Protein backbone atom coordinates (compact mmCIF):
# COMPACT_ATOMS: atom_id res chain seq x y z
CA MET A 1 -4.53 -41.54 20.69
CA PRO A 2 -5.44 -38.13 21.70
CA PHE A 3 -5.87 -35.38 19.15
CA ARG A 4 -3.16 -32.69 19.16
CA PHE A 5 -3.63 -29.15 17.75
CA PRO A 6 -0.82 -28.13 15.22
CA VAL A 7 0.27 -25.27 17.56
CA LEU A 8 3.28 -23.92 15.47
CA PRO A 9 1.39 -24.03 12.04
CA LEU A 10 -1.63 -22.21 13.48
CA LEU A 11 0.65 -19.61 15.20
CA LEU A 12 2.41 -18.92 11.82
CA ALA A 13 -0.93 -18.53 10.14
CA PHE A 14 -2.46 -16.29 12.83
CA VAL A 15 0.59 -13.90 12.32
CA ALA A 16 0.78 -14.12 8.61
CA THR A 17 -2.89 -13.08 8.40
CA GLY A 18 -2.11 -9.93 10.57
CA ALA A 19 -4.94 -11.04 13.04
CA ASP A 20 -2.85 -9.21 15.79
CA ALA A 21 -1.50 -6.54 14.02
CA THR A 22 -2.32 -2.87 14.65
CA PRO A 23 -3.98 -0.87 11.80
CA ASP A 24 -1.58 0.98 9.66
CA LYS A 25 -0.21 4.28 11.04
CA PRO A 26 -1.15 7.38 9.43
CA LEU A 27 0.71 9.78 7.33
CA ARG A 28 1.72 13.14 8.50
CA LEU A 29 2.63 16.54 6.49
CA ILE A 30 4.36 19.38 8.06
CA LEU A 31 4.55 22.52 5.98
CA VAL A 32 7.58 24.94 6.54
CA GLY A 33 7.79 28.22 4.62
CA ASP A 34 6.61 31.77 4.43
CA SER A 35 3.28 33.71 4.14
CA THR A 36 2.71 32.33 0.42
CA MET A 37 2.10 28.80 2.40
CA ALA A 38 0.85 30.10 5.73
CA SER A 39 -2.76 30.19 6.86
CA SER A 40 -4.80 33.46 5.75
CA THR A 41 -2.40 34.60 3.31
CA GLY A 42 -1.16 31.41 1.56
CA TYR A 43 -2.38 27.99 0.21
CA GLY A 44 -1.07 25.89 3.03
CA ASP A 45 -4.48 25.15 4.94
CA ALA A 46 -6.23 24.55 1.59
CA LEU A 47 -3.53 22.02 0.77
CA CYS A 48 -4.21 20.15 4.11
CA ALA A 49 -7.90 20.22 3.61
CA ARG A 50 -7.11 18.07 0.43
CA LEU A 51 -5.79 15.26 2.77
CA SER A 52 -7.77 12.08 3.92
CA PRO A 53 -9.36 12.43 7.34
CA ASP A 54 -6.67 10.04 9.03
CA THR A 55 -3.76 12.24 7.71
CA ALA A 56 -2.21 14.81 9.97
CA CYS A 57 -1.13 18.17 8.71
CA VAL A 58 0.71 20.81 10.62
CA ASN A 59 1.05 24.06 8.85
CA LEU A 60 3.92 25.82 10.50
CA ALA A 61 4.59 28.30 7.72
CA ARG A 62 4.83 31.73 8.96
CA GLY A 63 4.59 35.30 7.14
CA GLY A 64 7.73 37.27 6.67
CA ARG A 65 10.01 34.24 7.14
CA SER A 66 13.09 33.42 5.22
CA SER A 67 15.19 30.28 5.01
CA GLY A 68 17.39 32.08 7.52
CA SER A 69 15.05 33.69 9.99
CA PHE A 70 12.80 30.50 10.35
CA ARG A 71 15.66 28.85 12.07
CA ALA A 72 16.90 32.00 13.87
CA GLU A 73 13.66 32.44 15.46
CA GLY A 74 13.60 28.93 16.78
CA ARG A 75 10.76 27.87 14.66
CA TRP A 76 12.85 24.93 13.20
CA ASP A 77 13.36 23.49 16.54
CA GLU A 78 9.62 22.74 16.71
CA VAL A 79 9.69 21.02 13.46
CA GLN A 80 12.56 18.68 14.77
CA SER A 81 10.71 18.19 17.97
CA LEU A 82 7.77 17.02 16.14
CA LEU A 83 9.82 14.64 13.98
CA ARG A 84 11.58 13.22 16.94
CA ALA A 85 8.25 12.26 18.47
CA GLY A 86 6.81 10.89 15.23
CA ASP A 87 6.58 7.22 16.27
CA GLY A 88 2.72 7.39 15.85
CA PHE A 89 3.13 7.92 12.12
CA ARG A 90 3.86 5.73 9.29
CA ALA A 91 5.79 8.52 7.84
CA SER A 92 6.23 12.31 8.12
CA TYR A 93 6.79 14.52 4.98
CA VAL A 94 8.38 17.91 5.61
CA LEU A 95 7.34 20.52 2.79
CA ILE A 96 9.97 23.15 2.78
CA GLN A 97 9.38 26.44 0.61
CA PHE A 98 11.41 29.59 0.91
CA GLY A 99 12.55 32.27 -1.32
CA HIS A 100 10.32 35.29 -0.95
CA ASN A 101 11.91 36.94 1.95
CA ASP A 102 15.37 35.68 1.02
CA GLN A 103 15.40 38.30 -1.55
CA PRO A 104 17.56 41.43 -1.23
CA GLY A 105 16.38 44.56 0.95
CA LYS A 106 14.85 42.68 3.68
CA PRO A 107 17.03 43.32 6.87
CA GLY A 108 17.81 40.05 9.01
CA ARG A 109 16.08 37.99 6.41
CA SER A 110 17.77 38.32 3.05
CA THR A 111 20.00 35.67 2.05
CA ASP A 112 22.75 35.25 -0.92
CA TYR A 113 21.32 32.91 -3.21
CA VAL A 114 24.41 31.82 -4.76
CA ASN A 115 25.94 30.43 -1.27
CA GLU A 116 23.86 31.17 1.89
CA PHE A 117 20.46 30.21 0.66
CA PRO A 118 21.24 26.86 -0.96
CA ALA A 119 23.20 26.09 2.28
CA ASN A 120 20.33 26.71 4.26
CA MET A 121 18.02 24.50 2.12
CA ARG A 122 20.47 21.92 2.11
CA ARG A 123 20.79 21.86 5.83
CA TYR A 124 16.83 21.64 6.12
CA VAL A 125 17.06 18.35 3.92
CA GLU A 126 19.88 16.71 6.04
CA GLU A 127 18.42 17.52 9.35
CA THR A 128 14.85 16.40 8.27
CA ARG A 129 16.43 13.08 7.24
CA ALA A 130 18.41 12.80 10.53
CA ALA A 131 15.30 13.37 12.48
CA GLY A 132 13.37 10.60 10.88
CA GLY A 133 11.27 12.78 8.35
CA ILE A 134 11.04 12.83 4.53
CA PRO A 135 11.84 16.36 2.94
CA VAL A 136 10.07 17.69 -0.11
CA LEU A 137 11.53 20.67 -1.55
CA VAL A 138 9.05 23.65 -3.09
CA THR A 139 10.11 26.29 -5.24
CA PRO A 140 8.56 29.54 -4.17
CA LEU A 141 5.15 30.20 -5.50
CA THR A 142 5.23 32.76 -8.33
CA ARG A 143 4.29 36.50 -7.71
CA ARG A 144 1.50 37.64 -10.12
CA GLY A 145 2.88 40.92 -11.58
CA PHE A 146 3.02 41.31 -15.16
CA ARG A 147 5.36 43.45 -17.25
CA GLY A 148 3.47 44.03 -20.36
CA ASP A 149 2.11 40.53 -21.53
CA TRP A 150 4.59 38.60 -19.40
CA VAL A 151 4.67 37.39 -15.64
CA HIS A 152 7.80 38.99 -14.19
CA ASP A 153 9.70 35.92 -12.69
CA ASP A 154 11.82 37.88 -9.98
CA LEU A 155 12.10 34.51 -8.00
CA ALA A 156 14.10 32.66 -10.83
CA PRO A 157 17.44 32.36 -8.98
CA TRP A 158 15.94 31.16 -5.67
CA SER A 159 13.96 28.72 -7.56
CA ALA A 160 16.96 27.41 -9.57
CA ALA A 161 18.95 27.09 -6.33
CA VAL A 162 16.18 24.82 -4.71
CA ARG A 163 16.11 22.59 -7.85
CA GLN A 164 19.90 22.26 -7.70
CA VAL A 165 19.68 21.55 -4.10
CA ALA A 166 17.11 18.74 -4.79
CA ARG A 167 19.32 17.40 -7.38
CA GLU A 168 22.39 17.28 -5.16
CA THR A 169 20.59 15.73 -2.16
CA GLN A 170 18.16 13.50 -4.18
CA ALA A 171 15.30 15.07 -2.32
CA ALA A 172 11.68 15.15 -3.72
CA LEU A 173 10.87 18.48 -5.71
CA VAL A 174 7.76 20.17 -6.34
CA ASP A 175 8.43 22.93 -8.96
CA LEU A 176 5.68 25.18 -7.70
CA ASN A 177 7.39 28.32 -9.08
CA ALA A 178 7.31 26.79 -12.59
CA LEU A 179 3.67 25.35 -12.32
CA SER A 180 2.22 28.44 -10.78
CA MET A 181 4.06 30.94 -13.40
CA ALA A 182 2.57 28.98 -16.28
CA ASP A 183 -0.77 29.00 -14.81
CA VAL A 184 -0.69 32.68 -14.15
CA GLN A 185 0.82 33.49 -17.69
CA ALA A 186 -2.03 31.42 -19.33
CA MET A 187 -4.80 33.50 -17.02
CA GLY A 188 -3.54 36.68 -17.87
CA PRO A 189 -3.40 39.84 -15.30
CA ARG A 190 -7.18 40.40 -15.06
CA GLN A 191 -7.87 37.00 -14.04
CA ALA A 192 -4.91 36.35 -11.96
CA ASP A 193 -5.81 39.34 -9.86
CA THR A 194 -9.02 37.24 -8.87
CA LEU A 195 -6.61 35.14 -6.73
CA ALA A 196 -5.43 38.05 -4.45
CA ARG A 197 -6.78 39.11 -1.12
CA ALA A 198 -9.73 41.65 -1.62
CA GLY A 199 -9.63 45.39 -0.65
CA ALA A 200 -6.95 47.01 0.98
CA ASN A 201 -4.90 43.76 1.41
CA PHE A 202 -4.65 43.28 -2.45
CA ASP A 203 -1.05 42.48 -3.60
CA HIS A 204 0.46 40.26 -6.30
CA THR A 205 2.12 37.91 -3.88
CA HIS A 206 -0.49 36.69 -1.23
CA VAL A 207 -3.61 34.83 -2.05
CA GLY A 208 -7.23 35.13 -0.75
CA PRO A 209 -9.56 32.10 -0.86
CA ALA A 210 -9.72 31.56 -4.69
CA GLY A 211 -6.00 31.66 -4.86
CA ALA A 212 -5.58 29.36 -1.78
CA GLU A 213 -7.95 26.78 -3.31
CA ARG A 214 -6.31 27.07 -6.86
CA TYR A 215 -2.68 26.57 -5.43
CA GLY A 216 -3.72 24.03 -2.80
CA ASN A 217 -5.28 21.88 -5.55
CA MET A 218 -2.05 22.43 -7.51
CA MET A 219 0.03 21.13 -4.82
CA ALA A 220 -1.80 18.31 -4.21
CA ARG A 221 -1.73 17.23 -8.01
CA ALA A 222 1.89 17.77 -7.99
CA LEU A 223 2.82 15.83 -4.70
CA ARG A 224 0.77 12.99 -6.19
CA ARG A 225 2.99 12.94 -9.15
CA ASP A 226 6.34 14.01 -7.59
CA ALA A 227 6.48 12.56 -4.37
CA PRO A 228 4.66 9.28 -4.66
CA GLY A 229 5.01 8.05 -1.11
CA VAL A 230 2.54 10.90 0.00
CA ALA A 231 -0.03 10.18 -2.87
CA ALA A 232 -2.00 7.83 -0.38
CA ALA A 233 -2.73 10.71 1.90
CA PHE A 234 -4.95 12.47 -0.72
CA GLY A 235 -8.45 11.99 -2.25
CA SER A 236 -8.78 12.71 -5.75
CA ALA A 237 -6.93 15.89 -6.66
CA ARG A 238 -8.99 18.22 -9.00
């Protein structure tokens, strides 16, 4: 009697072992925000540098943008295009951080933190999900100005609005404002000034290399804790 190979069991075993499966697709992070996240003036590139080599990171944050002007200029359209063409990635996380340029006194950019700003942030969350991405809301990086012995938290209303939107939409949240403010308070004004850009570009909002490294590390640690799905994209966070 001729020997017959058990074709079906062998086929099932072949599939079960993943012998014909393609390697896992990589993760991707897309950064959306203002100058405190952007290249050269913010922490975004330092955060990207903490990712594993197979993780994609696209820093689309730009200086001077608010939750309203980023969309009005068509920059959000670029984010949505990337998400719609995201079949090559296991997941795309969109980090969304605004607030600095939503404050009063900035024509064409300022937003009302009671109504307009939270509506803008909620819309970013909804449209990220609709395009297949995973939103991560980020409260604005603190300014490092002191009044006496205490950091002046002039971004508190915008931070509170972001926290509320995160609760309402059940989006992941990195409370960078609280983390960075506590850190700056512990450092004191003299040491906090070492995080700024040097020379004529010095201010208490933007960061130089030391500040970018510090806050990039801070964001990496926070993301590993508060957005567990993205933890695999990082090596060890200092």
